[in-house]
Amino acid sequence: MGQEGLSLEDLQEQHRSYAEIIGIERLLELAKAYGGTQIYIPKPEELLKNRKYKAISEEFDGTNIKQLAKKYQVSESTVYRLVRDQIVKAASRQIPGQYNLSEYL
């Protein structure tokens, strides 16, 4: 039996709500791509997490961990984890005019 003319009434009850949200054509595309497997659908905030983490890294100025944690509603340890590499690079950067001991060894 073909897929042409498939309607909501043709679907099992458990699949109708998906089709109502994304449409029957998209549901069929999902079925073709992932049919027979379990799919985890994350919460909207989970989908936006990478954007939030990138913004935190970009806005970090070396002194604003608490402010970023509050602004983006994450823990300070999360902010620290995201900017750890920036902190290490800043700490290992030579200050202009400062002597480098390894040059004299």
PDB file of N, CA and C in Angstrom:
ATOM      1  N   MET A   1       0.851  -1.179   0.000  1.00  0.00           N
ATOM      2  CA  MET A   1       0.000   0.000   0.000  1.00  0.00           C
ATOM      3  C   MET A   1       0.891   1.235   0.000  1.00  0.00           C
ATOM      4  N   GLY A   2       0.636   2.189  -0.855  1.00  0.00           N
ATOM      5  CA  GLY A   2       1.458   3.379  -1.031  1.00  0.00           C
ATOM      6  C   GLY A   2       1.215   4.440   0.029  1.00  0.00           C
ATOM      7  N   GLN A   3       2.060   5.456  -0.013  1.00  0.00           N
ATOM      8  CA  GLN A   3       1.998   6.546   0.959  1.00  0.00           C
ATOM      9  C   GLN A   3       1.157   7.715   0.457  1.00  0.00           C
ATOM     10  N   GLU A   4       0.764   7.693  -0.804  1.00  0.00           N
ATOM     11  CA  GLU A   4      -0.007   8.789  -1.365  1.00  0.00           C
ATOM     12  C   GLU A   4      -1.348   8.920  -0.652  1.00  0.00           C
ATOM     13  N   GLY A   5      -1.717  10.148  -0.381  1.00  0.00           N
ATOM     14  CA  GLY A   5      -3.019  10.404   0.226  1.00  0.00           C
ATOM     15  C   GLY A   5      -3.117   9.989   1.682  1.00  0.00           C
ATOM     16  N   LEU A   6      -1.991   9.762   2.327  1.00  0.00           N
ATOM     17  CA  LEU A   6      -1.988   9.363   3.733  1.00  0.00           C
ATOM     18  C   LEU A   6      -2.556  10.501   4.578  1.00  0.00           C
ATOM     19  N   SER A   7      -3.459  10.178   5.478  1.00  0.00           N
ATOM     20  CA  SER A   7      -4.077  11.200   6.331  1.00  0.00           C
ATOM     21  C   SER A   7      -3.843  10.865   7.795  1.00  0.00           C
ATOM     22  N   LEU A   8      -4.167  11.823   8.659  1.00  0.00           N
ATOM     23  CA  LEU A   8      -4.019  11.596  10.101  1.00  0.00           C
ATOM     24  C   LEU A   8      -4.819  10.387  10.556  1.00  0.00           C
ATOM     25  N   GLU A   9      -5.990  10.202   9.974  1.00  0.00           N
ATOM     26  CA  GLU A   9      -6.847   9.078  10.369  1.00  0.00           C
ATOM     27  C   GLU A   9      -6.216   7.731  10.024  1.00  0.00           C
ATOM     28  N   ASP A  10      -5.311   7.726   9.045  1.00  0.00           N
ATOM     29  CA  ASP A  10      -4.634   6.486   8.655  1.00  0.00           C
ATOM     30  C   ASP A  10      -3.548   6.080   9.650  1.00  0.00           C
ATOM     31  N   LEU A  11      -3.111   7.034  10.457  1.00  0.00           N
ATOM     32  CA  LEU A  11      -2.018   6.774  11.397  1.00  0.00           C
ATOM     33  C   LEU A  11      -2.537   6.196  12.700  1.00  0.00           C
ATOM     34  N   GLN A  12      -1.673   5.440  13.366  1.00  0.00           N
ATOM     35  CA  GLN A  12      -2.010   4.966  14.705  1.00  0.00           C
ATOM     36  C   GLN A  12      -2.031   6.165  15.642  1.00  0.00           C
ATOM     37  N   GLU A  13      -2.812   6.075  16.681  1.00  0.00           N
ATOM     38  CA  GLU A  13      -3.000   7.182  17.620  1.00  0.00           C
ATOM     39  C   GLU A  13      -1.668   7.735  18.127  1.00  0.00           C
ATOM     40  N   GLN A  14      -0.733   6.857  18.453  1.00  0.00           N
ATOM     41  CA  GLN A  14       0.549   7.291  19.021  1.00  0.00           C
ATOM     42  C   GLN A  14       1.384   8.115  18.038  1.00  0.00           C
ATOM     43  N   HIS A  15       1.117   8.000  16.734  1.00  0.00           N
ATOM     44  CA  HIS A  15       1.892   8.731  15.730  1.00  0.00           C
ATOM     45  C   HIS A  15       1.204  10.006  15.254  1.00  0.00           C
ATOM     46  N   ARG A  16      -0.066  10.147  15.559  1.00  0.00           N
ATOM     47  CA  ARG A  16      -0.825  11.314  15.085  1.00  0.00           C
ATOM     48  C   ARG A  16      -0.290  12.623  15.654  1.00  0.00           C
ATOM     49  N   SER A  17       0.072  12.622  16.931  1.00  0.00           N
ATOM     50  CA  SER A  17       0.541  13.876  17.537  1.00  0.00           C
ATOM     51  C   SER A  17       1.827  14.360  16.870  1.00  0.00           C
ATOM     52  N   TYR A  18       2.688  13.435  16.470  1.00  0.00           N
ATOM     53  CA  TYR A  18       3.906  13.827  15.755  1.00  0.00           C
ATOM     54  C   TYR A  18       3.543  14.451  14.409  1.00  0.00           C
ATOM     55  N   ALA A  19       2.641  13.796  13.691  1.00  0.00           N
ATOM     56  CA  ALA A  19       2.229  14.292  12.377  1.00  0.00           C
ATOM     57  C   ALA A  19       1.530  15.639  12.490  1.00  0.00           C
ATOM     58  N   GLU A  20       0.796  15.859  13.571  1.00  0.00           N
ATOM     59  CA  GLU A  20       0.124  17.146  13.761  1.00  0.00           C
ATOM     60  C   GLU A  20       1.138  18.274  13.950  1.00  0.00           C
ATOM     61  N   ILE A  21       2.277  17.967  14.534  1.00  0.00           N
ATOM     62  CA  ILE A  21       3.307  18.979  14.788  1.00  0.00           C
ATOM     63  C   ILE A  21       4.197  19.195  13.561  1.00  0.00           C
ATOM     64  N   ILE A  22       4.682  18.120  12.968  1.00  0.00           N
ATOM     65  CA  ILE A  22       5.660  18.267  11.878  1.00  0.00           C
ATOM     66  C   ILE A  22       5.088  17.961  10.496  1.00  0.00           C
ATOM     67  N   GLY A  23       3.903  17.454  10.439  1.00  0.00           N
ATOM     68  CA  GLY A  23       3.289  17.115   9.156  1.00  0.00           C
ATOM     69  C   GLY A  23       3.560  15.670   8.773  1.00  0.00           C
ATOM     70  N   ILE A  24       2.661  15.140   7.966  1.00  0.00           N
ATOM     71  CA  ILE A  24       2.759  13.732   7.574  1.00  0.00           C
ATOM     72  C   ILE A  24       4.003  13.484   6.721  1.00  0.00           C
ATOM     73  N   GLU A  25       4.294  14.397   5.788  1.00  0.00           N
ATOM     74  CA  GLU A  25       5.468  14.214   4.920  1.00  0.00           C
ATOM     75  C   GLU A  25       6.760  14.136   5.732  1.00  0.00           C
ATOM     76  N   ARG A  26       6.910  15.020   6.700  1.00  0.00           N
ATOM     77  CA  ARG A  26       8.120  15.015   7.541  1.00  0.00           C
ATOM     78  C   ARG A  26       8.157  13.764   8.424  1.00  0.00           C
ATOM     79  N   LEU A  27       7.004  13.338   8.889  1.00  0.00           N
ATOM     80  CA  LEU A  27       6.946  12.110   9.687  1.00  0.00           C
ATOM     81  C   LEU A  27       7.393  10.920   8.846  1.00  0.00           C
ATOM     82  N   LEU A  28       6.978  10.899   7.597  1.00  0.00           N
ATOM     83  CA  LEU A  28       7.415   9.827   6.703  1.00  0.00           C
ATOM     84  C   LEU A  28       8.926   9.887   6.469  1.00  0.00           C
ATOM     85  N   GLU A  29       9.473  11.101   6.350  1.00  0.00           N
ATOM     86  CA  GLU A  29      10.926  11.252   6.195  1.00  0.00           C
ATOM     87  C   GLU A  29      11.657  10.707   7.420  1.00  0.00           C
ATOM     88  N   LEU A  30      11.139  11.031   8.605  1.00  0.00           N
ATOM     89  CA  LEU A  30      11.740  10.501   9.834  1.00  0.00           C
ATOM     90  C   LEU A  30      11.650   8.981   9.868  1.00  0.00           C
ATOM     91  N   ALA A  31      10.503   8.452   9.472  1.00  0.00           N
ATOM     92  CA  ALA A  31      10.314   6.999   9.472  1.00  0.00           C
ATOM     93  C   ALA A  31      11.294   6.323   8.517  1.00  0.00           C
ATOM     94  N   LYS A  32      11.522   6.943   7.358  1.00  0.00           N
ATOM     95  CA  LYS A  32      12.474   6.370   6.397  1.00  0.00           C
ATOM     96  C   LYS A  32      13.898   6.414   6.943  1.00  0.00           C
ATOM     97  N   ALA A  33      14.244   7.515   7.590  1.00  0.00           N
ATOM     98  CA  ALA A  33      15.611   7.689   8.090  1.00  0.00           C
ATOM     99  C   ALA A  33      15.877   6.906   9.371  1.00  0.00           C
ATOM    100  N   TYR A  34      14.892   6.857  10.266  1.00  0.00           N
ATOM    101  CA  TYR A  34      15.131   6.287  11.594  1.00  0.00           C
ATOM    102  C   TYR A  34      14.139   5.202  11.978  1.00  0.00           C
ATOM    103  N   GLY A  35      13.356   4.728  11.039  1.00  0.00           N
ATOM    104  CA  GLY A  35      12.334   3.729  11.332  1.00  0.00           C
ATOM    105  C   GLY A  35      12.881   2.523  12.077  1.00  0.00           C
ATOM    106  N   GLY A  36      12.199   2.147  13.134  1.00  0.00           N
ATOM    107  CA  GLY A  36      12.593   0.987  13.925  1.00  0.00           C
ATOM    108  C   GLY A  36      13.587   1.288  15.026  1.00  0.00           C
ATOM    109  N   THR A  37      14.083   2.519  15.092  1.00  0.00           N
ATOM    110  CA  THR A  37      15.027   2.883  16.148  1.00  0.00           C
ATOM    111  C   THR A  37      14.356   3.838  17.123  1.00  0.00           C
ATOM    112  N   GLN A  38      14.941   3.974  18.287  1.00  0.00           N
ATOM    113  CA  GLN A  38      14.442   4.935  19.259  1.00  0.00           C
ATOM    114  C   GLN A  38      15.139   6.265  19.029  1.00  0.00           C
ATOM    115  N   ILE A  39      14.369   7.336  19.094  1.00  0.00           N
ATOM    116  CA  ILE A  39      14.920   8.677  18.911  1.00  0.00           C
ATOM    117  C   ILE A  39      14.689   9.463  20.189  1.00  0.00           C
ATOM    118  N   TYR A  40      15.746  10.106  20.666  1.00  0.00           N
ATOM    119  CA  TYR A  40      15.637  10.998  21.820  1.00  0.00           C
ATOM    120  C   TYR A  40      15.407  12.404  21.293  1.00  0.00           C
ATOM    121  N   ILE A  41      14.357  13.044  21.741  1.00  0.00           N
ATOM    122  CA  ILE A  41      14.082  14.421  21.346  1.00  0.00           C
ATOM    123  C   ILE A  41      14.363  15.294  22.558  1.00  0.00           C
ATOM    124  N   PRO A  42      15.404  16.119  22.472  1.00  0.00           N
ATOM    125  CA  PRO A  42      15.783  16.932  23.631  1.00  0.00           C
ATOM    126  C   PRO A  42      14.808  18.077  23.873  1.00  0.00           C
ATOM    127  N   LYS A  43      14.878  18.617  25.072  1.00  0.00           N
ATOM    128  CA  LYS A  43      14.101  19.804  25.407  1.00  0.00           C
ATOM    129  C   LYS A  43      14.682  20.982  24.630  1.00  0.00           C
ATOM    130  N   PRO A  44      13.877  22.023  24.388  1.00  0.00           N
ATOM    131  CA  PRO A  44      14.372  23.176  23.618  1.00  0.00           C
ATOM    132  C   PRO A  44      15.648  23.783  24.190  1.00  0.00           C
ATOM    133  N   GLU A  45      15.743  23.886  25.510  1.00  0.00           N
ATOM    134  CA  GLU A  45      16.938  24.493  26.102  1.00  0.00           C
ATOM    135  C   GLU A  45      18.192  23.665  25.836  1.00  0.00           C
ATOM    136  N   GLU A  46      18.026  22.373  25.671  1.00  0.00           N
ATOM    137  CA  GLU A  46      19.169  21.509  25.347  1.00  0.00           C
ATOM    138  C   GLU A  46      19.674  21.802  23.929  1.00  0.00           C
ATOM    139  N   LEU A  47      18.749  22.095  23.032  1.00  0.00           N
ATOM    140  CA  LEU A  47      19.130  22.421  21.656  1.00  0.00           C
ATOM    141  C   LEU A  47      19.890  23.741  21.573  1.00  0.00           C
ATOM    142  N   LEU A  48      19.641  24.628  22.524  1.00  0.00           N
ATOM    143  CA  LEU A  48      20.266  25.949  22.520  1.00  0.00           C
ATOM    144  C   LEU A  48      21.554  26.011  23.340  1.00  0.00           C
ATOM    145  N   LYS A  49      21.914  24.896  23.960  1.00  0.00           N
ATOM    146  CA  LYS A  49      23.049  24.882  24.880  1.00  0.00           C
ATOM    147  C   LYS A  49      24.360  25.307  24.217  1.00  0.00           C
ATOM    148  N   ASN A  50      24.652  24.826  23.019  1.00  0.00           N
ATOM    149  CA  ASN A  50      25.915  25.189  22.360  1.00  0.00           C
ATOM    150  C   ASN A  50      26.005  26.683  22.117  1.00  0.00           C
ATOM    151  N   ARG A  51      24.887  27.305  21.723  1.00  0.00           N
ATOM    152  CA  ARG A  51      24.887  28.752  21.494  1.00  0.00           C
ATOM    153  C   ARG A  51      25.179  29.485  22.797  1.00  0.00           C
ATOM    154  N   LYS A  52      24.560  29.021  23.883  1.00  0.00           N
ATOM    155  CA  LYS A  52      24.775  29.643  25.191  1.00  0.00           C
ATOM    156  C   LYS A  52      26.232  29.504  25.611  1.00  0.00           C
ATOM    157  N   TYR A  53      26.795  28.310  25.448  1.00  0.00           N
ATOM    158  CA  TYR A  53      28.178  28.071  25.849  1.00  0.00           C
ATOM    159  C   TYR A  53      29.155  28.910  25.022  1.00  0.00           C
ATOM    160  N   LYS A  54      28.875  29.081  23.739  1.00  0.00           N
ATOM    161  CA  LYS A  54      29.730  29.908  22.891  1.00  0.00           C
ATOM    162  C   LYS A  54      29.683  31.360  23.355  1.00  0.00           C
ATOM    163  N   ALA A  55      28.491  31.842  23.695  1.00  0.00           N
ATOM    164  CA  ALA A  55      28.346  33.225  24.168  1.00  0.00           C
ATOM    165  C   ALA A  55      29.122  33.432  25.462  1.00  0.00           C
ATOM    166  N   ILE A  56      29.073  32.453  26.355  1.00  0.00           N
ATOM    167  CA  ILE A  56      29.813  32.547  27.616  1.00  0.00           C
ATOM    168  C   ILE A  56      31.306  32.676  27.330  1.00  0.00           C
ATOM    169  N   SER A  57      31.820  31.831  26.454  1.00  0.00           N
ATOM    170  CA  SER A  57      33.248  31.875  26.119  1.00  0.00           C
ATOM    171  C   SER A  57      33.639  33.207  25.495  1.00  0.00           C
ATOM    172  N   GLU A  58      32.778  33.729  24.632  1.00  0.00           N
ATOM    173  CA  GLU A  58      33.081  34.995  23.962  1.00  0.00           C
ATOM    174  C   GLU A  58      33.013  36.185  24.915  1.00  0.00           C
ATOM    175  N   GLU A  59      32.120  36.127  25.903  1.00  0.00           N
ATOM    176  CA  GLU A  59      31.936  37.252  26.817  1.00  0.00           C
ATOM    177  C   GLU A  59      32.884  37.213  28.013  1.00  0.00           C
ATOM    178  N   PHE A  60      33.577  36.102  28.191  1.00  0.00           N
ATOM    179  CA  PHE A  60      34.484  35.978  29.328  1.00  0.00           C
ATOM    180  C   PHE A  60      35.639  36.959  29.183  1.00  0.00           C
ATOM    181  N   ASP A  61      35.868  37.747  30.234  1.00  0.00           N
ATOM    182  CA  ASP A  61      36.951  38.738  30.188  1.00  0.00           C
ATOM    183  C   ASP A  61      38.041  38.465  31.216  1.00  0.00           C
ATOM    184  N   GLY A  62      37.961  37.317  31.871  1.00  0.00           N
ATOM    185  CA  GLY A  62      38.968  36.964  32.867  1.00  0.00           C
ATOM    186  C   GLY A  62      38.532  37.245  34.291  1.00  0.00           C
ATOM    187  N   THR A  63      37.467  38.014  34.453  1.00  0.00           N
ATOM    188  CA  THR A  63      37.042  38.400  35.805  1.00  0.00           C
ATOM    189  C   THR A  63      35.550  38.212  36.055  1.00  0.00           C
ATOM    190  N   ASN A  64      34.796  37.762  35.075  1.00  0.00           N
ATOM    191  CA  ASN A  64      33.339  37.807  35.192  1.00  0.00           C
ATOM    192  C   ASN A  64      32.650  36.443  35.253  1.00  0.00           C
ATOM    193  N   ILE A  65      33.258  35.480  35.915  1.00  0.00           N
ATOM    194  CA  ILE A  65      32.664  34.149  36.012  1.00  0.00           C
ATOM    195  C   ILE A  65      31.310  34.202  36.714  1.00  0.00           C
ATOM    196  N   LYS A  66      31.223  34.884  37.849  1.00  0.00           N
ATOM    197  CA  LYS A  66      29.956  34.956  38.592  1.00  0.00           C
ATOM    198  C   LYS A  66      28.864  35.633  37.770  1.00  0.00           C
ATOM    199  N   GLN A  67      29.212  36.716  37.103  1.00  0.00           N
ATOM    200  CA  GLN A  67      28.230  37.451  36.307  1.00  0.00           C
ATOM    201  C   GLN A  67      27.706  36.606  35.142  1.00  0.00           C
ATOM    202  N   LEU A  68      28.605  35.891  34.486  1.00  0.00           N
ATOM    203  CA  LEU A  68      28.187  35.041  33.370  1.00  0.00           C
ATOM    204  C   LEU A  68      27.315  33.887  33.851  1.00  0.00           C
ATOM    205  N   ALA A  69      27.664  33.319  34.996  1.00  0.00           N
ATOM    206  CA  ALA A  69      26.853  32.236  35.554  1.00  0.00           C
ATOM    207  C   ALA A  69      25.437  32.721  35.828  1.00  0.00           C
ATOM    208  N   LYS A  70      25.332  33.893  36.398  1.00  0.00           N
ATOM    209  CA  LYS A  70      24.010  34.455  36.700  1.00  0.00           C
ATOM    210  C   LYS A  70      23.260  34.798  35.417  1.00  0.00           C
ATOM    211  N   LYS A  71      23.934  35.460  34.485  1.00  0.00           N
ATOM    212  CA  LYS A  71      23.301  35.892  33.234  1.00  0.00           C
ATOM    213  C   LYS A  71      22.752  34.712  32.439  1.00  0.00           C
ATOM    214  N   TYR A  72      23.524  33.630  32.361  1.00  0.00           N
ATOM    215  CA  TYR A  72      23.139  32.486  31.535  1.00  0.00           C
ATOM    216  C   TYR A  72      22.524  31.334  32.337  1.00  0.00           C
ATOM    217  N   GLN A  73      22.300  31.570  33.622  1.00  0.00           N
ATOM    218  CA  GLN A  73      21.643  30.596  34.504  1.00  0.00           C
ATOM    219  C   GLN A  73      22.328  29.230  34.464  1.00  0.00           C
ATOM    220  N   VAL A  74      23.643  29.269  34.665  1.00  0.00           N
ATOM    221  CA  VAL A  74      24.440  28.051  34.794  1.00  0.00           C
ATOM    222  C   VAL A  74      25.286  28.189  36.051  1.00  0.00           C
ATOM    223  N   SER A  75      25.891  27.104  36.476  1.00  0.00           N
ATOM    224  CA  SER A  75      26.731  27.167  37.669  1.00  0.00           C
ATOM    225  C   SER A  75      28.074  27.820  37.340  1.00  0.00           C
ATOM    226  N   GLU A  76      28.711  28.327  38.378  1.00  0.00           N
ATOM    227  CA  GLU A  76      30.044  28.909  38.192  1.00  0.00           C
ATOM    228  C   GLU A  76      31.029  27.856  37.702  1.00  0.00           C
ATOM    229  N   SER A  77      30.857  26.623  38.171  1.00  0.00           N
ATOM    230  CA  SER A  77      31.767  25.562  37.722  1.00  0.00           C
ATOM    231  C   SER A  77      31.581  25.279  36.228  1.00  0.00           C
ATOM    232  N   THR A  78      30.369  25.442  35.718  1.00  0.00           N
ATOM    233  CA  THR A  78      30.145  25.277  34.277  1.00  0.00           C
ATOM    234  C   THR A  78      30.866  26.371  33.506  1.00  0.00           C
ATOM    235  N   VAL A  79      30.757  27.606  33.967  1.00  0.00           N
ATOM    236  CA  VAL A  79      31.457  28.713  33.306  1.00  0.00           C
ATOM    237  C   VAL A  79      32.959  28.458  33.359  1.00  0.00           C
ATOM    238  N   TYR A  80      33.458  28.074  34.517  1.00  0.00           N
ATOM    239  CA  TYR A  80      34.890  27.810  34.661  1.00  0.00           C
ATOM    240  C   TYR A  80      35.337  26.720  33.686  1.00  0.00           C
ATOM    241  N   ARG A  81      34.558  25.653  33.591  1.00  0.00           N
ATOM    242  CA  ARG A  81      34.903  24.554  32.681  1.00  0.00           C
ATOM    243  C   ARG A  81      34.956  25.047  31.232  1.00  0.00           C
ATOM    244  N   LEU A  82      34.025  25.922  30.870  1.00  0.00           N
ATOM    245  CA  LEU A  82      33.969  26.428  29.501  1.00  0.00           C
ATOM    246  C   LEU A  82      35.129  27.359  29.161  1.00  0.00           C
ATOM    247  N   VAL A  83      35.621  28.084  30.154  1.00  0.00           N
ATOM    248  CA  VAL A  83      36.666  29.091  29.893  1.00  0.00           C
ATOM    249  C   VAL A  83      38.033  28.670  30.427  1.00  0.00           C
ATOM    250  N   ARG A  84      38.143  27.455  30.901  1.00  0.00           N
ATOM    251  CA  ARG A  84      39.390  26.968  31.496  1.00  0.00           C
ATOM    252  C   ARG A  84      40.588  27.170  30.574  1.00  0.00           C
ATOM    253  N   ASP A  85      40.448  26.835  29.298  1.00  0.00           N
ATOM    254  CA  ASP A  85      41.570  26.998  28.362  1.00  0.00           C
ATOM    255  C   ASP A  85      41.983  28.457  28.239  1.00  0.00           C
ATOM    256  N   GLN A  86      41.006  29.354  28.250  1.00  0.00           N
ATOM    257  CA  GLN A  86      41.319  30.784  28.171  1.00  0.00           C
ATOM    258  C   GLN A  86      42.086  31.236  29.411  1.00  0.00           C
ATOM    259  N   ILE A  87      41.710  30.703  30.567  1.00  0.00           N
ATOM    260  CA  ILE A  87      42.382  31.056  31.820  1.00  0.00           C
ATOM    261  C   ILE A  87      43.827  30.562  31.792  1.00  0.00           C
ATOM    262  N   VAL A  88      44.028  29.332  31.341  1.00  0.00           N
ATOM    263  CA  VAL A  88      45.378  28.758  31.283  1.00  0.00           C
ATOM    264  C   VAL A  88      46.249  29.553  30.318  1.00  0.00           C
ATOM    265  N   LYS A  89      45.706  29.907  29.154  1.00  0.00           N
ATOM    266  CA  LYS A  89      46.478  30.691  28.182  1.00  0.00           C
ATOM    267  C   LYS A  89      46.850  32.055  28.749  1.00  0.00           C
ATOM    268  N   ALA A  90      45.906  32.684  29.424  1.00  0.00           N
ATOM    269  CA  ALA A  90      46.171  34.008  30.001  1.00  0.00           C
ATOM    270  C   ALA A  90      47.233  33.918  31.087  1.00  0.00           C
ATOM    271  N   ALA A  91      47.180  32.857  31.884  1.00  0.00           N
ATOM    272  CA  ALA A  91      48.136  32.700  32.979  1.00  0.00           C
ATOM    273  C   ALA A  91      49.540  32.412  32.457  1.00  0.00           C
ATOM    274  N   SER A  92      49.636  31.753  31.321  1.00  0.00           N
ATOM    275  CA  SER A  92      50.958  31.397  30.798  1.00  0.00           C
ATOM    276  C   SER A  92      51.521  32.461  29.857  1.00  0.00           C
ATOM    277  N   ARG A  93      50.741  33.463  29.546  1.00  0.00           N
ATOM    278  CA  ARG A  93      51.187  34.549  28.667  1.00  0.00           C
ATOM    279  C   ARG A  93      52.223  35.405  29.388  1.00  0.00           C
ATOM    280  N   GLN A  94      53.283  35.734  28.686  1.00  0.00           N
ATOM    281  CA  GLN A  94      54.334  36.557  29.281  1.00  0.00           C
ATOM    282  C   GLN A  94      53.905  38.018  29.271  1.00  0.00           C
ATOM    283  N   ILE A  95      54.075  38.663  30.395  1.00  0.00           N
ATOM    284  CA  ILE A  95      53.748  40.075  30.537  1.00  0.00           C
ATOM    285  C   ILE A  95      54.822  40.890  29.835  1.00  0.00           C
ATOM    286  N   PRO A  96      54.428  41.903  29.047  1.00  0.00           N
ATOM    287  CA  PRO A  96      55.434  42.729  28.366  1.00  0.00           C
ATOM    288  C   PRO A  96      56.432  43.306  29.365  1.00  0.00           C
ATOM    289  N   GLY A  97      57.717  43.183  29.045  1.00  0.00           N
ATOM    290  CA  GLY A  97      58.767  43.685  29.920  1.00  0.00           C
ATOM    291  C   GLY A  97      59.229  42.673  30.953  1.00  0.00           C
ATOM    292  N   GLN A  98      58.518  41.572  31.056  1.00  0.00           N
ATOM    293  CA  GLN A  98      58.882  40.545  32.035  1.00  0.00           C
ATOM    294  C   GLN A  98      59.951  39.640  31.414  1.00  0.00           C
ATOM    295  N   TYR A  99      60.964  39.281  32.207  1.00  0.00           N
ATOM    296  CA  TYR A  99      62.015  38.403  31.733  1.00  0.00           C
ATOM    297  C   TYR A  99      61.531  36.970  31.735  1.00  0.00           C
ATOM    298  N   ASN A 100      61.998  36.216  30.755  1.00  0.00           N
ATOM    299  CA  ASN A 100      61.676  34.806  30.663  1.00  0.00           C
ATOM    300  C   ASN A 100      62.881  34.031  31.174  1.00  0.00           C
ATOM    301  N   LEU A 101      62.731  33.342  32.279  1.00  0.00           N
ATOM    302  CA  LEU A 101      63.825  32.629  32.918  1.00  0.00           C
ATOM    303  C   LEU A 101      64.449  31.592  31.986  1.00  0.00           C
ATOM    304  N   SER A 102      63.637  30.972  31.133  1.00  0.00           N
ATOM    305  CA  SER A 102      64.173  29.939  30.245  1.00  0.00           C
ATOM    306  C   SER A 102      65.180  30.502  29.247  1.00  0.00           C
ATOM    307  N   GLU A 103      65.134  31.807  28.986  1.00  0.00           N
ATOM    308  CA  GLU A 103      66.100  32.424  28.080  1.00  0.00           C
ATOM    309  C   GLU A 103      67.497  32.468  28.692  1.00  0.00           C
ATOM    310  N   TYR A 104      67.576  32.371  29.991  1.00  0.00           N
ATOM    311  CA  TYR A 104      68.861  32.482  30.684  1.00  0.00           C
ATOM    312  C   TYR A 104      69.411  31.137  31.124  1.00  0.00           C
ATOM    313  N   LEU A 105      68.702  30.090  30.889  1.00  0.00           N
ATOM    314  CA  LEU A 105      69.166  28.761  31.302  1.00  0.00           C
ATOM    315  C   LEU A 105      69.902  28.053  30.196  1.00  0.00           C
TER     316      LEU A 105
END
